[in-house]
N, C-alpha and C. Protein backbone atom coordinates (compact mmCIF):
# COMPACT_ATOMS: atom_id res chain seq x y z
N MET A 1 101.68 55.07 215.36
CA MET A 1 101.90 55.80 216.59
C MET A 1 103.38 56.16 216.70
N GLU A 2 103.62 57.39 217.14
CA GLU A 2 104.99 57.83 217.36
C GLU A 2 105.56 57.13 218.58
N ARG A 3 106.86 56.99 218.59
CA ARG A 3 107.57 56.39 219.72
C ARG A 3 107.38 57.27 220.95
N LEU A 4 107.05 56.65 222.07
CA LEU A 4 106.92 57.38 223.33
C LEU A 4 108.31 57.73 223.85
N LEU A 5 108.41 58.89 224.48
CA LEU A 5 109.68 59.37 225.01
C LEU A 5 109.83 58.99 226.48
N THR A 6 111.03 58.69 226.88
CA THR A 6 111.32 58.45 228.29
C THR A 6 111.63 59.79 228.96
N ILE A 7 111.70 59.77 230.27
CA ILE A 7 112.09 60.98 231.00
C ILE A 7 113.51 61.38 230.60
N ASP A 8 114.38 60.40 230.40
CA ASP A 8 115.75 60.69 229.93
C ASP A 8 115.72 61.41 228.59
N ASP A 9 114.86 60.93 227.67
CA ASP A 9 114.74 61.57 226.36
C ASP A 9 114.32 63.03 226.49
N VAL A 10 113.28 63.26 227.30
CA VAL A 10 112.75 64.62 227.47
C VAL A 10 113.78 65.52 228.14
N ALA A 11 114.44 65.00 229.16
CA ALA A 11 115.47 65.79 229.85
C ALA A 11 116.57 66.19 228.87
N GLY A 12 116.97 65.27 228.01
CA GLY A 12 117.99 65.59 227.02
C GLY A 12 117.52 66.62 226.01
N LEU A 13 116.30 66.47 225.52
CA LEU A 13 115.77 67.41 224.54
C LEU A 13 115.62 68.81 225.11
N LEU A 14 115.17 68.90 226.36
CA LEU A 14 114.97 70.21 226.99
C LEU A 14 116.21 70.72 227.71
N GLN A 15 117.23 69.88 227.80
CA GLN A 15 118.48 70.22 228.49
C GLN A 15 118.20 70.62 229.94
N MET A 16 117.40 69.77 230.60
CA MET A 16 117.02 69.99 231.99
C MET A 16 117.30 68.71 232.77
N PRO A 17 117.43 68.79 234.10
CA PRO A 17 117.67 67.60 234.92
C PRO A 17 116.46 66.66 234.94
N LEU A 18 116.74 65.38 235.17
CA LEU A 18 115.68 64.37 235.25
C LEU A 18 114.64 64.72 236.31
N GLY A 19 115.09 65.14 237.46
CA GLY A 19 114.18 65.47 238.56
C GLY A 19 113.21 66.59 238.19
N TRP A 20 113.68 67.54 237.41
CA TRP A 20 112.84 68.65 236.98
C TRP A 20 111.73 68.14 236.06
N VAL A 21 112.08 67.23 235.14
CA VAL A 21 111.08 66.66 234.23
C VAL A 21 110.04 65.88 235.04
N GLU A 22 110.48 65.07 235.99
CA GLU A 22 109.55 64.32 236.83
C GLU A 22 108.62 65.27 237.59
N GLN A 23 109.16 66.36 238.07
CA GLN A 23 108.37 67.35 238.80
C GLN A 23 107.30 67.97 237.89
N GLN A 24 107.66 68.27 236.67
CA GLN A 24 106.69 68.85 235.72
C GLN A 24 105.54 67.88 235.47
N ILE A 25 105.84 66.58 235.42
CA ILE A 25 104.81 65.57 235.23
C ILE A 25 103.93 65.48 236.48
N ARG A 26 104.54 65.41 237.65
CA ARG A 26 103.78 65.28 238.90
C ARG A 26 102.88 66.49 239.15
N MET A 27 103.32 67.65 238.71
CA MET A 27 102.54 68.87 238.90
C MET A 27 101.51 69.07 237.78
N ASP A 28 101.41 68.08 236.88
CA ASP A 28 100.47 68.10 235.76
C ASP A 28 100.72 69.23 234.77
N TYR A 29 101.95 69.71 234.70
CA TYR A 29 102.32 70.68 233.67
C TYR A 29 102.64 69.97 232.36
N LEU A 30 103.26 68.81 232.49
CA LEU A 30 103.63 67.98 231.33
C LEU A 30 102.86 66.68 231.44
N GLU A 31 102.12 66.36 230.39
CA GLU A 31 101.29 65.16 230.40
C GLU A 31 102.15 63.93 230.19
N GLY A 32 102.06 62.99 231.11
CA GLY A 32 102.82 61.74 231.02
C GLY A 32 101.91 60.55 231.20
N VAL A 33 102.39 59.40 230.76
CA VAL A 33 101.65 58.15 230.90
C VAL A 33 102.51 57.22 231.74
N LEU A 34 101.95 56.72 232.83
CA LEU A 34 102.69 55.80 233.70
C LEU A 34 102.46 54.38 233.20
N LEU A 35 103.52 53.76 232.71
CA LEU A 35 103.47 52.38 232.25
C LEU A 35 104.32 51.55 233.19
N GLY A 36 103.65 50.76 234.02
CA GLY A 36 104.38 50.03 235.05
C GLY A 36 104.91 51.04 236.05
N PHE A 37 106.22 51.09 236.19
CA PHE A 37 106.85 52.06 237.09
C PHE A 37 107.58 53.16 236.33
N GLU A 38 107.40 53.23 235.03
CA GLU A 38 108.13 54.18 234.19
C GLU A 38 107.19 55.18 233.53
N TRP A 39 107.58 56.44 233.53
CA TRP A 39 106.82 57.47 232.84
C TRP A 39 107.22 57.49 231.37
N ARG A 40 106.22 57.72 230.53
CA ARG A 40 106.45 57.92 229.09
C ARG A 40 105.69 59.17 228.68
N ILE A 41 106.26 59.89 227.74
CA ILE A 41 105.67 61.14 227.28
C ILE A 41 105.46 61.04 225.78
N GLU A 42 104.24 61.35 225.34
CA GLU A 42 103.96 61.37 223.91
C GLU A 42 104.63 62.61 223.31
N PRO A 43 105.24 62.48 222.14
CA PRO A 43 105.89 63.64 221.51
C PRO A 43 104.95 64.84 221.38
N GLU A 44 103.69 64.60 221.07
CA GLU A 44 102.73 65.71 220.94
C GLU A 44 102.52 66.42 222.28
N ALA A 45 102.54 65.68 223.38
CA ALA A 45 102.40 66.28 224.71
C ALA A 45 103.58 67.19 225.00
N LEU A 46 104.76 66.78 224.59
CA LEU A 46 105.95 67.62 224.77
C LEU A 46 105.86 68.87 223.91
N ARG A 47 105.37 68.71 222.67
CA ARG A 47 105.20 69.88 221.80
C ARG A 47 104.22 70.88 222.41
N ARG A 48 103.11 70.38 222.97
CA ARG A 48 102.13 71.27 223.61
C ARG A 48 102.74 71.97 224.83
N TYR A 49 103.51 71.22 225.61
CA TYR A 49 104.14 71.78 226.80
C TYR A 49 105.05 72.96 226.42
N VAL A 50 105.87 72.76 225.40
CA VAL A 50 106.79 73.82 224.96
C VAL A 50 106.00 75.00 224.40
N ALA A 51 104.99 74.73 223.60
CA ALA A 51 104.18 75.80 223.02
C ALA A 51 103.47 76.60 224.11
N ASP A 52 102.97 75.92 225.14
CA ASP A 52 102.32 76.62 226.24
C ASP A 52 103.28 77.54 226.97
N ARG A 53 104.51 77.11 227.12
CA ARG A 53 105.51 77.94 227.81
C ARG A 53 105.85 79.17 226.98
N ARG A 54 105.85 79.04 225.67
CA ARG A 54 106.13 80.19 224.79
C ARG A 54 105.04 81.24 224.91
N THR A 55 103.80 80.83 225.10
CA THR A 55 102.70 81.79 225.18
C THR A 55 102.64 82.47 226.55
N LEU A 56 103.27 81.91 227.56
CA LEU A 56 103.27 82.53 228.89
C LEU A 56 104.12 83.79 228.93
N THR A 57 105.21 83.83 228.21
CA THR A 57 106.13 84.97 228.27
C THR A 57 105.45 86.27 227.85
N PRO A 58 104.75 86.34 226.71
CA PRO A 58 104.07 87.60 226.36
C PRO A 58 103.02 88.00 227.38
N LEU A 59 102.34 87.02 227.98
CA LEU A 59 101.34 87.34 228.99
C LEU A 59 101.99 87.98 230.21
N LEU A 60 103.12 87.44 230.63
CA LEU A 60 103.80 87.99 231.80
C LEU A 60 104.34 89.38 231.51
N GLU A 61 104.81 89.61 230.29
CA GLU A 61 105.33 90.93 229.94
C GLU A 61 104.22 91.96 229.84
N ALA A 62 102.98 91.53 229.59
CA ALA A 62 101.86 92.45 229.45
C ALA A 62 101.35 92.95 230.80
N VAL A 63 101.73 92.29 231.89
CA VAL A 63 101.29 92.70 233.22
C VAL A 63 102.08 93.94 233.63
N PRO A 64 101.40 95.04 233.90
CA PRO A 64 102.12 96.26 234.26
C PRO A 64 102.79 96.14 235.63
N ASP A 65 103.93 96.79 235.75
CA ASP A 65 104.60 96.85 237.05
C ASP A 65 103.80 97.75 237.97
N THR A 66 103.67 97.36 239.21
CA THR A 66 102.95 98.18 240.17
C THR A 66 103.87 98.53 241.32
N GLU A 67 103.61 99.64 241.91
CA GLU A 67 104.39 100.08 243.06
C GLU A 67 103.89 99.33 244.30
N PRO A 68 104.79 98.92 245.19
CA PRO A 68 104.35 98.27 246.43
C PRO A 68 103.57 99.25 247.28
N LEU A 69 102.62 98.70 248.05
CA LEU A 69 101.80 99.56 248.93
C LEU A 69 102.56 100.04 250.11
């Protein structure tokens, strides 16, 4: 089994604040495991999270701009 990542680890890897990482977990965007009072993230869950975000950009660009009513 790969070493589980802490929120500090994930924040450092993504270069984002700790609170933002916690928010992503609470909103079920990033899969985390609560062990006691500490969140842990499996490396594969982080890989999926990043991959999912990469696929969102082309989808958003494909939406045509519309004129306001």
